[in-house]
Amino acid sequence: MSRAWALALVAAFVVGAAPGDAAAFCRATTVEERLAMCGQIGEPLWWSTPCLSYAIDEDSSQWLDPADTRAAVDAGFRAWSRVVCDTGATDIQFRRLADSTCITPEYNRGGGNVNTVAFLDPWVDPRDGTALGPERLAFTVIWSDTGTGEILDADMLINDVRPWTRCPTDASCTDFDLDSVVTHEAGHFIGIGHSLVEDATMFNEATPAGDIEMRSLEQDDIDATCTIYPPGSLQSECSDAAFTPRGGLDLNCEDNVGNGGGGGGCSTAINDGARHTWGWSLLGVGLLIRSRRRGLGTALRRLRRIGVVTTSHQHRRETNKKDDGRASG
């Protein structure tokens, strides 16, 4: 059957409430955030394997020693693999592969692929050269099966015009903490959208420069992970081969020009046995510099105005599909 291509800008909300607290984690779907309305429209994004890999572009960040860049990226991913749910530890495992030449997110249907972490200077979208706002710190592109929501590839792009550092835990620093931003983007990597909980790692505004709060996951982030990947829901053993991207590993993205991915860039392969439309989703563009603090109450009041509400002490999604006309990254 023919395979059409679909574009979605995603960061949908899933809002719930539990006794004694409030949960407002975001479930990303295959539909644009402003249309998804709490994940009611579109398929929720998820990986079908717990064995996930990534590769850092060989130029790394210009602001850090390559070893420090690797350590920061590793720490960001590792935070999610250490989640412990009520019924046990998450099955998700990450492995960093050899450095790659990839800076363009791309979906290669006919060959090897890689999930890339790229540092961009100039800060433009490498797919079309569109300039990105300086207040935006990073974004993640997700390739998925639009029929099932299964993630096939996730590529993380970081604004390397802005200086980065690894803030010490016992002293202040003046630049943005790379560990923190990668931790946030790694949440998108596994299919989590933005949260309404201000203290959560997945809140859509970055903590101020020098802050390291986003390095550590809050309960809302843990709830999101355990909801999407409850312990035992995926195979628990990861062999070396299990970390290989779909279609095989290709660390040299320039080889993919004309190979079904739409140009040179990092990409993943379509499963030849797939029966659904395939598309890509964009998350994290709205990880903005936080200019003011907003409480959970304000965010929840806004959702009530547009028909997306939390009710009593049950975890539920309302069926109102109104569009407030604003898109989150």
C-alpha atoms as a PDB file:
ATOM      1  CA  MET A   1       0.000   0.000   0.000  1.00  0.00           C
ATOM      2  CA  SER A   2       1.119   3.596  -0.515  1.00  0.00           C
ATOM      3  CA  ARG A   3       2.675   5.509   2.358  1.00  0.00           C
ATOM      4  CA  ALA A   4       1.832   9.185   2.698  1.00  0.00           C
ATOM      5  CA  TRP A   5       3.846  11.637   4.788  1.00  0.00           C
ATOM      6  CA  ALA A   6       2.327  13.621   7.602  1.00  0.00           C
ATOM      7  CA  LEU A   7       3.636  16.570   9.588  1.00  0.00           C
ATOM      8  CA  ALA A   8       2.705  17.154  13.221  1.00  0.00           C
ATOM      9  CA  LEU A   9       4.002  19.648  15.755  1.00  0.00           C
ATOM     10  CA  VAL A  10       3.399  17.787  18.979  1.00  0.00           C
ATOM     11  CA  ALA A  11       3.323  18.356  22.702  1.00  0.00           C
ATOM     12  CA  ALA A  12      -0.142  17.280  23.800  1.00  0.00           C
ATOM     13  CA  PHE A  13      -1.415  17.384  27.375  1.00  0.00           C
ATOM     14  CA  VAL A  14      -2.636  14.539  29.511  1.00  0.00           C
ATOM     15  CA  VAL A  15      -4.099  16.003  32.675  1.00  0.00           C
ATOM     16  CA  GLY A  16      -5.115  14.066  35.749  1.00  0.00           C
ATOM     17  CA  ALA A  17      -5.563  14.331  39.468  1.00  0.00           C
ATOM     18  CA  ALA A  18      -4.882  11.888  42.266  1.00  0.00           C
ATOM     19  CA  PRO A  19      -5.730  12.045  45.962  1.00  0.00           C
ATOM     20  CA  GLY A  20      -3.587  14.609  47.716  1.00  0.00           C
ATOM     21  CA  ASP A  21      -1.756  15.866  44.642  1.00  0.00           C
ATOM     22  CA  ALA A  22      -2.134  16.963  41.040  1.00  0.00           C
ATOM     23  CA  ALA A  23      -0.594  15.363  37.981  1.00  0.00           C
ATOM     24  CA  ALA A  24      -0.317  17.283  34.753  1.00  0.00           C
ATOM     25  CA  PHE A  25       2.231  15.443  32.654  1.00  0.00           C
ATOM     26  CA  CYS A  26       2.041  15.727  28.912  1.00  0.00           C
ATOM     27  CA  ARG A  27       1.605  12.827  26.551  1.00  0.00           C
ATOM     28  CA  ALA A  28       2.913  13.601  23.074  1.00  0.00           C
ATOM     29  CA  THR A  29       0.833  12.358  20.165  1.00  0.00           C
ATOM     30  CA  THR A  30       0.973  12.251  16.384  1.00  0.00           C
ATOM     31  CA  VAL A  31      -1.235  15.346  16.184  1.00  0.00           C
ATOM     32  CA  GLU A  32      -0.261  18.988  16.591  1.00  0.00           C
ATOM     33  CA  GLU A  33      -0.422  20.080  20.205  1.00  0.00           C
ATOM     34  CA  ARG A  34      -3.049  22.779  19.793  1.00  0.00           C
ATOM     35  CA  LEU A  35      -5.326  20.226  18.128  1.00  0.00           C
ATOM     36  CA  ALA A  36      -4.524  17.184  20.272  1.00  0.00           C
ATOM     37  CA  MET A  37      -6.059  18.632  23.451  1.00  0.00           C
ATOM     38  CA  CYS A  38      -4.759  16.441  26.202  1.00  0.00           C
ATOM     39  CA  GLY A  39      -3.821  13.607  23.907  1.00  0.00           C
ATOM     40  CA  GLN A  40      -7.404  12.897  22.884  1.00  0.00           C
ATOM     41  CA  ILE A  41      -6.629  13.235  19.177  1.00  0.00           C
ATOM     42  CA  GLY A  42      -3.818  11.318  17.533  1.00  0.00           C
ATOM     43  CA  GLU A  43      -1.877   8.306  18.694  1.00  0.00           C
ATOM     44  CA  PRO A  44       0.322   8.650  21.806  1.00  0.00           C
ATOM     45  CA  LEU A  45       4.016   8.323  21.006  1.00  0.00           C
ATOM     46  CA  TRP A  46       5.988   5.386  22.423  1.00  0.00           C
ATOM     47  CA  TRP A  47       8.985   3.163  21.689  1.00  0.00           C
ATOM     48  CA  SER A  48       8.303  -0.545  21.213  1.00  0.00           C
ATOM     49  CA  THR A  49      11.758  -1.420  22.533  1.00  0.00           C
ATOM     50  CA  PRO A  50      13.473  -0.427  25.782  1.00  0.00           C
ATOM     51  CA  CYS A  51      16.908  -0.624  24.110  1.00  0.00           C
ATOM     52  CA  LEU A  52      17.487   2.930  22.881  1.00  0.00           C
ATOM     53  CA  SER A  53      20.657   4.428  21.459  1.00  0.00           C
ATOM     54  CA  TYR A  54      21.904   7.856  20.443  1.00  0.00           C
ATOM     55  CA  ALA A  55      25.011   9.390  18.878  1.00  0.00           C
ATOM     56  CA  ILE A  56      26.490  12.853  19.435  1.00  0.00           C
ATOM     57  CA  ASP A  57      27.606  14.815  16.400  1.00  0.00           C
ATOM     58  CA  GLU A  58      31.382  14.757  16.078  1.00  0.00           C
ATOM     59  CA  ASP A  59      31.777  18.540  16.382  1.00  0.00           C
ATOM     60  CA  SER A  60      30.111  18.462  19.791  1.00  0.00           C
ATOM     61  CA  SER A  61      29.479  21.761  21.615  1.00  0.00           C
ATOM     62  CA  GLN A  62      31.921  24.577  21.045  1.00  0.00           C
ATOM     63  CA  TRP A  63      31.534  25.644  24.669  1.00  0.00           C
ATOM     64  CA  LEU A  64      32.628  22.440  26.375  1.00  0.00           C
ATOM     65  CA  ASP A  65      35.365  19.887  26.085  1.00  0.00           C
ATOM     66  CA  PRO A  66      34.029  16.915  24.063  1.00  0.00           C
ATOM     67  CA  ALA A  67      34.358  14.668  27.107  1.00  0.00           C
ATOM     68  CA  ASP A  68      32.248  17.078  29.172  1.00  0.00           C
ATOM     69  CA  THR A  69      29.665  17.295  26.400  1.00  0.00           C
ATOM     70  CA  ARG A  70      29.381  13.514  26.281  1.00  0.00           C
ATOM     71  CA  ALA A  71      29.106  13.331  30.055  1.00  0.00           C
ATOM     72  CA  ALA A  72      26.306  15.923  30.117  1.00  0.00           C
ATOM     73  CA  VAL A  73      24.340  14.177  27.369  1.00  0.00           C
ATOM     74  CA  ASP A  74      24.802  10.794  29.020  1.00  0.00           C
ATOM     75  CA  ALA A  75      23.590  12.176  32.344  1.00  0.00           C
ATOM     76  CA  GLY A  76      20.478  13.632  30.736  1.00  0.00           C
ATOM     77  CA  PHE A  77      19.448  10.294  29.243  1.00  0.00           C
ATOM     78  CA  ARG A  78      20.482   8.329  32.322  1.00  0.00           C
ATOM     79  CA  ALA A  79      17.993  10.224  34.506  1.00  0.00           C
ATOM     80  CA  TRP A  80      15.125   8.531  32.665  1.00  0.00           C
ATOM     81  CA  SER A  81      16.604   5.039  32.772  1.00  0.00           C
ATOM     82  CA  ARG A  82      16.782   5.279  36.571  1.00  0.00           C
ATOM     83  CA  VAL A  83      13.060   5.835  37.077  1.00  0.00           C
ATOM     84  CA  VAL A  84      11.507   3.517  39.656  1.00  0.00           C
ATOM     85  CA  CYS A  85       7.743   2.986  39.473  1.00  0.00           C
ATOM     86  CA  ASP A  86       5.451   1.562  42.139  1.00  0.00           C
ATOM     87  CA  THR A  87       5.838  -1.917  40.647  1.00  0.00           C
ATOM     88  CA  GLY A  88       9.554  -1.781  39.903  1.00  0.00           C
ATOM     89  CA  ALA A  89      12.231  -0.093  37.814  1.00  0.00           C
ATOM     90  CA  THR A  90      11.570   1.078  34.274  1.00  0.00           C
ATOM     91  CA  ASP A  91      12.761  -1.174  31.443  1.00  0.00           C
ATOM     92  CA  ILE A  92      14.243   1.723  29.445  1.00  0.00           C
ATOM     93  CA  GLN A  93      17.973   1.543  28.759  1.00  0.00           C
ATOM     94  CA  PHE A  94      20.171   3.957  26.808  1.00  0.00           C
ATOM     95  CA  ARG A  95      23.492   3.504  25.074  1.00  0.00           C
ATOM     96  CA  ARG A  96      25.682   6.147  23.461  1.00  0.00           C
ATOM     97  CA  LEU A  97      27.161   5.006  20.163  1.00  0.00           C
ATOM     98  CA  ALA A  98      30.213   6.354  18.346  1.00  0.00           C
ATOM     99  CA  ASP A  99      30.136  10.012  17.284  1.00  0.00           C
ATOM    100  CA  SER A 100      28.325  10.808  14.041  1.00  0.00           C
ATOM    101  CA  THR A 101      28.405  13.418  11.280  1.00  0.00           C
ATOM    102  CA  CYS A 102      24.665  13.998  11.626  1.00  0.00           C
ATOM    103  CA  ILE A 103      23.191  17.428  12.343  1.00  0.00           C
ATOM    104  CA  THR A 104      19.985  17.190  10.285  1.00  0.00           C
ATOM    105  CA  PRO A 105      17.035  15.187  11.600  1.00  0.00           C
ATOM    106  CA  GLU A 106      15.857  12.864   8.890  1.00  0.00           C
ATOM    107  CA  TYR A 107      13.899   9.720   8.292  1.00  0.00           C
ATOM    108  CA  ASN A 108      15.664   7.306   5.994  1.00  0.00           C
ATOM    109  CA  ARG A 109      13.334   4.670   4.621  1.00  0.00           C
ATOM    110  CA  GLY A 110      15.915   2.727   2.671  1.00  0.00           C
ATOM    111  CA  GLY A 111      19.025   2.255   4.785  1.00  0.00           C
ATOM    112  CA  GLY A 112      20.829   2.717   8.079  1.00  0.00           C
ATOM    113  CA  ASN A 113      19.910   5.337  10.646  1.00  0.00           C
ATOM    114  CA  VAL A 114      20.892   6.984  13.903  1.00  0.00           C
ATOM    115  CA  ASN A 115      19.224   8.954  16.687  1.00  0.00           C
ATOM    116  CA  THR A 116      21.395  12.032  16.772  1.00  0.00           C
ATOM    117  CA  VAL A 117      22.198  14.715  19.328  1.00  0.00           C
ATOM    118  CA  ALA A 118      23.453  17.735  17.356  1.00  0.00           C
ATOM    119  CA  PHE A 119      24.764  21.145  18.419  1.00  0.00           C
ATOM    120  CA  LEU A 120      23.817  23.892  15.952  1.00  0.00           C
ATOM    121  CA  ASP A 121      25.653  27.128  15.235  1.00  0.00           C
ATOM    122  CA  PRO A 122      24.147  29.015  13.468  1.00  0.00           C
ATOM    123  CA  TRP A 123      20.861  28.352  15.242  1.00  0.00           C
ATOM    124  CA  VAL A 124      18.695  27.536  12.231  1.00  0.00           C
ATOM    125  CA  ASP A 125      16.483  24.614  11.351  1.00  0.00           C
ATOM    126  CA  PRO A 126      18.860  22.434   9.294  1.00  0.00           C
ATOM    127  CA  ARG A 127      15.985  21.078   7.224  1.00  0.00           C
ATOM    128  CA  ASP A 128      15.075  24.393   5.595  1.00  0.00           C
ATOM    129  CA  GLY A 129      17.439  27.056   6.971  1.00  0.00           C
ATOM    130  CA  THR A 130      14.715  28.847   8.936  1.00  0.00           C
ATOM    131  CA  ALA A 131      16.204  31.015  11.699  1.00  0.00           C
ATOM    132  CA  LEU A 132      15.158  29.939  15.187  1.00  0.00           C
ATOM    133  CA  GLY A 133      14.498  32.345  18.036  1.00  0.00           C
ATOM    134  CA  PRO A 134      17.446  32.898  20.409  1.00  0.00           C
ATOM    135  CA  GLU A 135      15.186  32.250  23.399  1.00  0.00           C
ATOM    136  CA  ARG A 136      14.710  28.674  22.224  1.00  0.00           C
ATOM    137  CA  LEU A 137      17.249  26.311  23.672  1.00  0.00           C
ATOM    138  CA  ALA A 138      16.578  22.992  21.928  1.00  0.00           C
ATOM    139  CA  PHE A 139      14.091  20.898  19.996  1.00  0.00           C
ATOM    140  CA  THR A 140      13.524  17.225  19.282  1.00  0.00           C
ATOM    141  CA  VAL A 141      12.196  15.728  16.061  1.00  0.00           C
ATOM    142  CA  ILE A 142      10.306  12.447  16.337  1.00  0.00           C
ATOM    143  CA  TRP A 143       9.621  10.085  13.440  1.00  0.00           C
ATOM    144  CA  SER A 144       6.691   7.795  14.151  1.00  0.00           C
ATOM    145  CA  ASP A 145       4.071   5.478  12.763  1.00  0.00           C
ATOM    146  CA  THR A 146       1.013   7.741  12.631  1.00  0.00           C
ATOM    147  CA  GLY A 147      -1.285   4.744  12.861  1.00  0.00           C
ATOM    148  CA  THR A 148       0.113   3.372  16.112  1.00  0.00           C
ATOM    149  CA  GLY A 149       2.295   6.149  17.557  1.00  0.00           C
ATOM    150  CA  GLU A 150       5.347   3.883  17.592  1.00  0.00           C
ATOM    151  CA  ILE A 151       8.516   5.984  17.571  1.00  0.00           C
ATOM    152  CA  LEU A 152      11.052   5.089  14.907  1.00  0.00           C
ATOM    153  CA  ASP A 153      13.597   7.845  15.385  1.00  0.00           C
ATOM    154  CA  ALA A 154      14.255  10.791  17.681  1.00  0.00           C
ATOM    155  CA  ASP A 155      16.783  13.511  16.879  1.00  0.00           C
ATOM    156  CA  MET A 156      17.735  16.185  19.411  1.00  0.00           C
ATOM    157  CA  LEU A 157      19.039  19.581  18.242  1.00  0.00           C
ATOM    158  CA  ILE A 158      20.579  22.054  20.686  1.00  0.00           C
ATOM    159  CA  ASN A 159      21.211  25.784  20.290  1.00  0.00           C
ATOM    160  CA  ASP A 160      25.008  26.023  20.369  1.00  0.00           C
ATOM    161  CA  VAL A 161      25.074  29.769  19.745  1.00  0.00           C
ATOM    162  CA  ARG A 162      24.182  30.117  23.391  1.00  0.00           C
ATOM    163  CA  PRO A 163      27.031  29.279  25.822  1.00  0.00           C
ATOM    164  CA  TRP A 164      26.699  26.011  27.744  1.00  0.00           C
ATOM    165  CA  THR A 165      28.313  24.737  30.887  1.00  0.00           C
ATOM    166  CA  ARG A 166      28.026  21.934  33.410  1.00  0.00           C
ATOM    167  CA  CYS A 167      27.036  23.803  36.528  1.00  0.00           C
ATOM    168  CA  PRO A 168      28.610  22.529  39.751  1.00  0.00           C
ATOM    169  CA  THR A 169      26.216  21.337  42.422  1.00  0.00           C
ATOM    170  CA  ASP A 170      27.914  23.325  45.173  1.00  0.00           C
ATOM    171  CA  ALA A 171      28.481  26.682  43.449  1.00  0.00           C
ATOM    172  CA  SER A 172      26.749  29.114  41.142  1.00  0.00           C
ATOM    173  CA  CYS A 173      27.341  29.549  37.411  1.00  0.00           C
ATOM    174  CA  THR A 174      26.125  32.081  34.873  1.00  0.00           C
ATOM    175  CA  ASP A 175      25.475  29.976  31.754  1.00  0.00           C
ATOM    176  CA  PHE A 176      22.779  27.413  31.033  1.00  0.00           C
ATOM    177  CA  ASP A 177      23.346  23.922  32.371  1.00  0.00           C
ATOM    178  CA  LEU A 178      23.647  21.410  29.518  1.00  0.00           C
ATOM    179  CA  ASP A 179      22.748  18.447  31.731  1.00  0.00           C
ATOM    180  CA  SER A 180      19.403  20.073  32.546  1.00  0.00           C
ATOM    181  CA  VAL A 181      18.357  20.846  28.979  1.00  0.00           C
ATOM    182  CA  VAL A 182      19.368  17.410  27.701  1.00  0.00           C
ATOM    183  CA  THR A 183      17.362  15.808  30.517  1.00  0.00           C
ATOM    184  CA  HIS A 184      14.300  17.732  29.361  1.00  0.00           C
ATOM    185  CA  GLU A 185      14.828  16.830  25.705  1.00  0.00           C
ATOM    186  CA  ALA A 186      15.433  13.185  26.596  1.00  0.00           C
ATOM    187  CA  GLY A 187      11.914  13.189  28.017  1.00  0.00           C
ATOM    188  CA  HIS A 188      10.641  14.189  24.581  1.00  0.00           C
ATOM    189  CA  PHE A 189      12.877  11.486  23.101  1.00  0.00           C
ATOM    190  CA  ILE A 190      10.809   8.820  24.881  1.00  0.00           C
ATOM    191  CA  GLY A 191       7.446  10.379  24.005  1.00  0.00           C
ATOM    192  CA  ILE A 192       6.696  12.746  26.873  1.00  0.00           C
ATOM    193  CA  GLY A 193       5.360  16.199  26.058  1.00  0.00           C
ATOM    194  CA  HIS A 194       5.354  19.262  28.280  1.00  0.00           C
ATOM    195  CA  SER A 195       4.043  19.322  31.821  1.00  0.00           C
ATOM    196  CA  LEU A 196       1.816  21.817  33.614  1.00  0.00           C
ATOM    197  CA  VAL A 197       3.737  21.273  36.838  1.00  0.00           C
ATOM    198  CA  GLU A 198       6.146  24.166  37.156  1.00  0.00           C
ATOM    199  CA  ASP A 199       8.784  22.224  39.080  1.00  0.00           C
ATOM    200  CA  ALA A 200       8.744  19.260  36.696  1.00  0.00           C
ATOM    201  CA  THR A 201      11.675  18.637  34.386  1.00  0.00           C
ATOM    202  CA  MET A 202       9.177  18.579  31.491  1.00  0.00           C
ATOM    203  CA  PHE A 203       7.748  22.034  32.209  1.00  0.00           C
ATOM    204  CA  ASN A 204       7.920  24.009  28.971  1.00  0.00           C
ATOM    205  CA  GLU A 205      10.168  26.778  30.238  1.00  0.00           C
ATOM    206  CA  ALA A 206      13.782  26.222  31.195  1.00  0.00           C
ATOM    207  CA  THR A 207      14.901  27.174  34.659  1.00  0.00           C
ATOM    208  CA  PRO A 208      17.140  30.285  34.727  1.00  0.00           C
ATOM    209  CA  ALA A 209      20.765  30.206  33.688  1.00  0.00           C
ATOM    210  CA  GLY A 210      22.880  28.570  36.375  1.00  0.00           C
ATOM    211  CA  ASP A 211      19.989  26.493  37.719  1.00  0.00           C
ATOM    212  CA  ILE A 212      20.220  22.687  37.845  1.00  0.00           C
ATOM    213  CA  GLU A 213      16.664  21.850  38.970  1.00  0.00           C
ATOM    214  CA  MET A 214      15.770  20.168  35.678  1.00  0.00           C
ATOM    215  CA  ARG A 215      18.508  17.555  36.122  1.00  0.00           C
ATOM    216  CA  SER A 216      16.433  15.667  38.672  1.00  0.00           C
ATOM    217  CA  LEU A 217      13.032  14.230  37.829  1.00  0.00           C
ATOM    218  CA  GLU A 218       9.998  15.193  39.870  1.00  0.00           C
ATOM    219  CA  GLN A 219       7.053  12.920  40.639  1.00  0.00           C
ATOM    220  CA  ASP A 220       5.142  14.210  37.623  1.00  0.00           C
ATOM    221  CA  ASP A 221       8.022  13.179  35.311  1.00  0.00           C
ATOM    222  CA  ILE A 222       8.170   9.764  36.983  1.00  0.00           C
ATOM    223  CA  ASP A 223       4.407   9.324  36.612  1.00  0.00           C
ATOM    224  CA  ALA A 224       4.652  10.078  32.898  1.00  0.00           C
ATOM    225  CA  THR A 225       7.411   7.516  32.397  1.00  0.00           C
ATOM    226  CA  CYS A 226       5.617   4.828  34.387  1.00  0.00           C
ATOM    227  CA  THR A 227       2.372   5.453  32.504  1.00  0.00           C
ATOM    228  CA  ILE A 228       3.966   5.102  29.065  1.00  0.00           C
ATOM    229  CA  TYR A 229       6.415   2.347  30.029  1.00  0.00           C
ATOM    230  CA  PRO A 230       5.104   0.388  33.025  1.00  0.00           C
ATOM    231  CA  PRO A 231       7.682  -2.100  34.302  1.00  0.00           C
ATOM    232  CA  GLY A 232       7.514  -5.378  32.424  1.00  0.00           C
ATOM    233  CA  SER A 233       5.642  -3.938  29.435  1.00  0.00           C
ATOM    234  CA  LEU A 234       8.734  -4.220  27.220  1.00  0.00           C
ATOM    235  CA  GLN A 235      11.442  -6.840  26.930  1.00  0.00           C
ATOM    236  CA  SER A 236      13.887  -6.362  29.771  1.00  0.00           C
ATOM    237  CA  GLU A 237      17.076  -7.708  28.210  1.00  0.00           C
ATOM    238  CA  CYS A 238      19.093  -5.596  25.783  1.00  0.00           C
ATOM    239  CA  SER A 239      21.794  -7.325  23.765  1.00  0.00           C
ATOM    240  CA  ASP A 240      24.395  -5.291  21.880  1.00  0.00           C
ATOM    241  CA  ALA A 241      22.438  -5.811  18.672  1.00  0.00           C
ATOM    242  CA  ALA A 242      19.239  -4.563  20.271  1.00  0.00           C
ATOM    243  CA  PHE A 243      20.626  -1.008  20.403  1.00  0.00           C
ATOM    244  CA  THR A 244      21.065  -0.882  16.604  1.00  0.00           C
ATOM    245  CA  PRO A 245      18.660   1.596  14.956  1.00  0.00           C
ATOM    246  CA  ARG A 246      16.126   0.390  12.425  1.00  0.00           C
ATOM    247  CA  GLY A 247      17.706  -0.517   9.124  1.00  0.00           C
ATOM    248  CA  GLY A 248      21.155  -0.699  10.689  1.00  0.00           C
ATOM    249  CA  LEU A 249      23.495   1.959  12.025  1.00  0.00           C
ATOM    250  CA  ASP A 250      24.639   4.792   9.744  1.00  0.00           C
ATOM    251  CA  LEU A 251      26.785   7.432  11.445  1.00  0.00           C
ATOM    252  CA  ASN A 252      27.549   9.269   8.186  1.00  0.00           C
ATOM    253  CA  CYS A 253      24.356  11.021   7.228  1.00  0.00           C
ATOM    254  CA  GLU A 254      25.649  12.546   4.005  1.00  0.00           C
ATOM    255  CA  ASP A 255      25.462   9.044   2.545  1.00  0.00           C
ATOM    256  CA  ASN A 256      21.682   9.175   2.825  1.00  0.00           C
ATOM    257  CA  VAL A 257      21.107  11.764   0.084  1.00  0.00           C
ATOM    258  CA  GLY A 258      18.536  10.383  -2.317  1.00  0.00           C
ATOM    259  CA  ASN A 259      18.063   7.241  -0.256  1.00  0.00           C
ATOM    260  CA  GLY A 260      14.431   7.827   0.574  1.00  0.00           C
ATOM    261  CA  GLY A 261      14.952  10.117   3.530  1.00  0.00           C
ATOM    262  CA  GLY A 262      14.347  13.394   1.716  1.00  0.00           C
ATOM    263  CA  GLY A 263      17.961  14.550   1.681  1.00  0.00           C
ATOM    264  CA  GLY A 264      21.149  14.199   3.663  1.00  0.00           C
ATOM    265  CA  GLY A 265      20.638  13.935   7.395  1.00  0.00           C
ATOM    266  CA  CYS A 266      20.214  11.654  10.331  1.00  0.00           C
ATOM    267  CA  SER A 267      17.256   9.362   9.967  1.00  0.00           C
ATOM    268  CA  THR A 268      15.540   6.105  10.793  1.00  0.00           C
ATOM    269  CA  ALA A 269      14.151   3.448   8.506  1.00  0.00           C
ATOM    270  CA  ILE A 270      10.533   2.542   8.002  1.00  0.00           C
ATOM    271  CA  ASN A 271       9.693  -0.986   9.047  1.00  0.00           C
ATOM    272  CA  ASP A 272       9.071  -2.735   5.713  1.00  0.00           C
ATOM    273  CA  GLY A 273       6.148  -4.569   7.256  1.00  0.00           C
ATOM    274  CA  ALA A 274       4.375  -1.422   8.428  1.00  0.00           C
ATOM    275  CA  ARG A 275       0.770  -0.883   7.415  1.00  0.00           C
ATOM    276  CA  HIS A 276       0.321   2.701   8.505  1.00  0.00           C
ATOM    277  CA  THR A 277       1.176   6.223   7.428  1.00  0.00           C
ATOM    278  CA  TRP A 278       4.510   7.510   8.667  1.00  0.00           C
ATOM    279  CA  GLY A 279       5.226  11.022   9.774  1.00  0.00           C
ATOM    280  CA  TRP A 280       7.432  13.193  11.925  1.00  0.00           C
ATOM    281  CA  SER A 281       6.622  15.178  15.008  1.00  0.00           C
ATOM    282  CA  LEU A 282       8.402  18.123  16.548  1.00  0.00           C
ATOM    283  CA  LEU A 283       8.755  18.561  20.297  1.00  0.00           C
ATOM    284  CA  GLY A 284      10.687  20.878  22.529  1.00  0.00           C
ATOM    285  CA  VAL A 285      10.854  23.919  20.258  1.00  0.00           C
ATOM    286  CA  GLY A 286       9.124  25.747  23.049  1.00  0.00           C
ATOM    287  CA  LEU A 287      11.757  25.002  25.691  1.00  0.00           C
ATOM    288  CA  LEU A 288      12.104  28.696  26.309  1.00  0.00           C
ATOM    289  CA  ILE A 289      14.133  30.728  28.736  1.00  0.00           C
ATOM    290  CA  ARG A 290      11.942  31.262  31.765  1.00  0.00           C
ATOM    291  CA  SER A 291      11.192  34.930  32.209  1.00  0.00           C
ATOM    292  CA  ARG A 292       8.736  34.578  35.061  1.00  0.00           C
ATOM    293  CA  ARG A 293       7.465  31.811  37.294  1.00  0.00           C
ATOM    294  CA  ARG A 294       3.958  30.512  36.754  1.00  0.00           C
ATOM    295  CA  GLY A 295       2.157  28.379  39.275  1.00  0.00           C
ATOM    296  CA  LEU A 296       0.288  25.159  38.579  1.00  0.00           C
ATOM    297  CA  GLY A 297      -2.928  26.885  39.567  1.00  0.00           C
ATOM    298  CA  THR A 298      -2.580  29.404  36.732  1.00  0.00           C
ATOM    299  CA  ALA A 299      -1.961  26.668  34.195  1.00  0.00           C
ATOM    300  CA  LEU A 300      -4.897  24.597  35.383  1.00  0.00           C
ATOM    301  CA  ARG A 301      -7.211  27.608  35.337  1.00  0.00           C
ATOM    302  CA  ARG A 302      -6.222  28.226  31.721  1.00  0.00           C
ATOM    303  CA  LEU A 303      -7.042  24.622  30.826  1.00  0.00           C
ATOM    304  CA  ARG A 304     -10.409  24.869  32.523  1.00  0.00           C
ATOM    305  CA  ARG A 305     -11.222  27.932  30.392  1.00  0.00           C
ATOM    306  CA  ILE A 306     -10.573  25.976  27.197  1.00  0.00           C
ATOM    307  CA  GLY A 307     -12.386  22.861  28.380  1.00  0.00           C
ATOM    308  CA  VAL A 308      -9.484  20.670  29.516  1.00  0.00           C
ATOM    309  CA  VAL A 309      -9.895  20.120  33.241  1.00  0.00           C
ATOM    310  CA  THR A 310      -8.986  17.914  36.155  1.00  0.00           C
ATOM    311  CA  THR A 311     -11.903  16.484  38.078  1.00  0.00           C
ATOM    312  CA  SER A 312     -12.241  15.092  41.606  1.00  0.00           C
ATOM    313  CA  HIS A 313      -9.655  12.414  42.414  1.00  0.00           C
ATOM    314  CA  GLN A 314      -9.700  10.390  39.245  1.00  0.00           C
ATOM    315  CA  HIS A 315      -7.161  10.243  36.467  1.00  0.00           C
ATOM    316  CA  ARG A 316      -9.194  11.093  33.404  1.00  0.00           C
ATOM    317  CA  ARG A 317      -9.222  12.972  30.099  1.00  0.00           C
ATOM    318  CA  GLU A 318     -12.079  15.290  29.192  1.00  0.00           C
ATOM    319  CA  THR A 319     -13.570  14.965  25.726  1.00  0.00           C
ATOM    320  CA  ASN A 320     -13.737  18.656  24.877  1.00  0.00           C
ATOM    321  CA  LYS A 321     -11.703  19.261  21.713  1.00  0.00           C
ATOM    322  CA  LYS A 322     -11.683  23.058  21.603  1.00  0.00           C
ATOM    323  CA  ASP A 323      -8.627  24.716  20.133  1.00  0.00           C
ATOM    324  CA  ASP A 324      -7.200  27.708  21.990  1.00  0.00           C
ATOM    325  CA  GLY A 325      -5.233  28.744  18.895  1.00  0.00           C
ATOM    326  CA  ARG A 326      -1.837  28.542  20.597  1.00  0.00           C
ATOM    327  CA  ALA A 327       0.816  25.967  19.958  1.00  0.00           C
ATOM    328  CA  SER A 328       3.390  24.864  22.508  1.00  0.00           C
ATOM    329  CA  GLY A 329       6.751  23.530  21.550  1.00  0.00           C
END
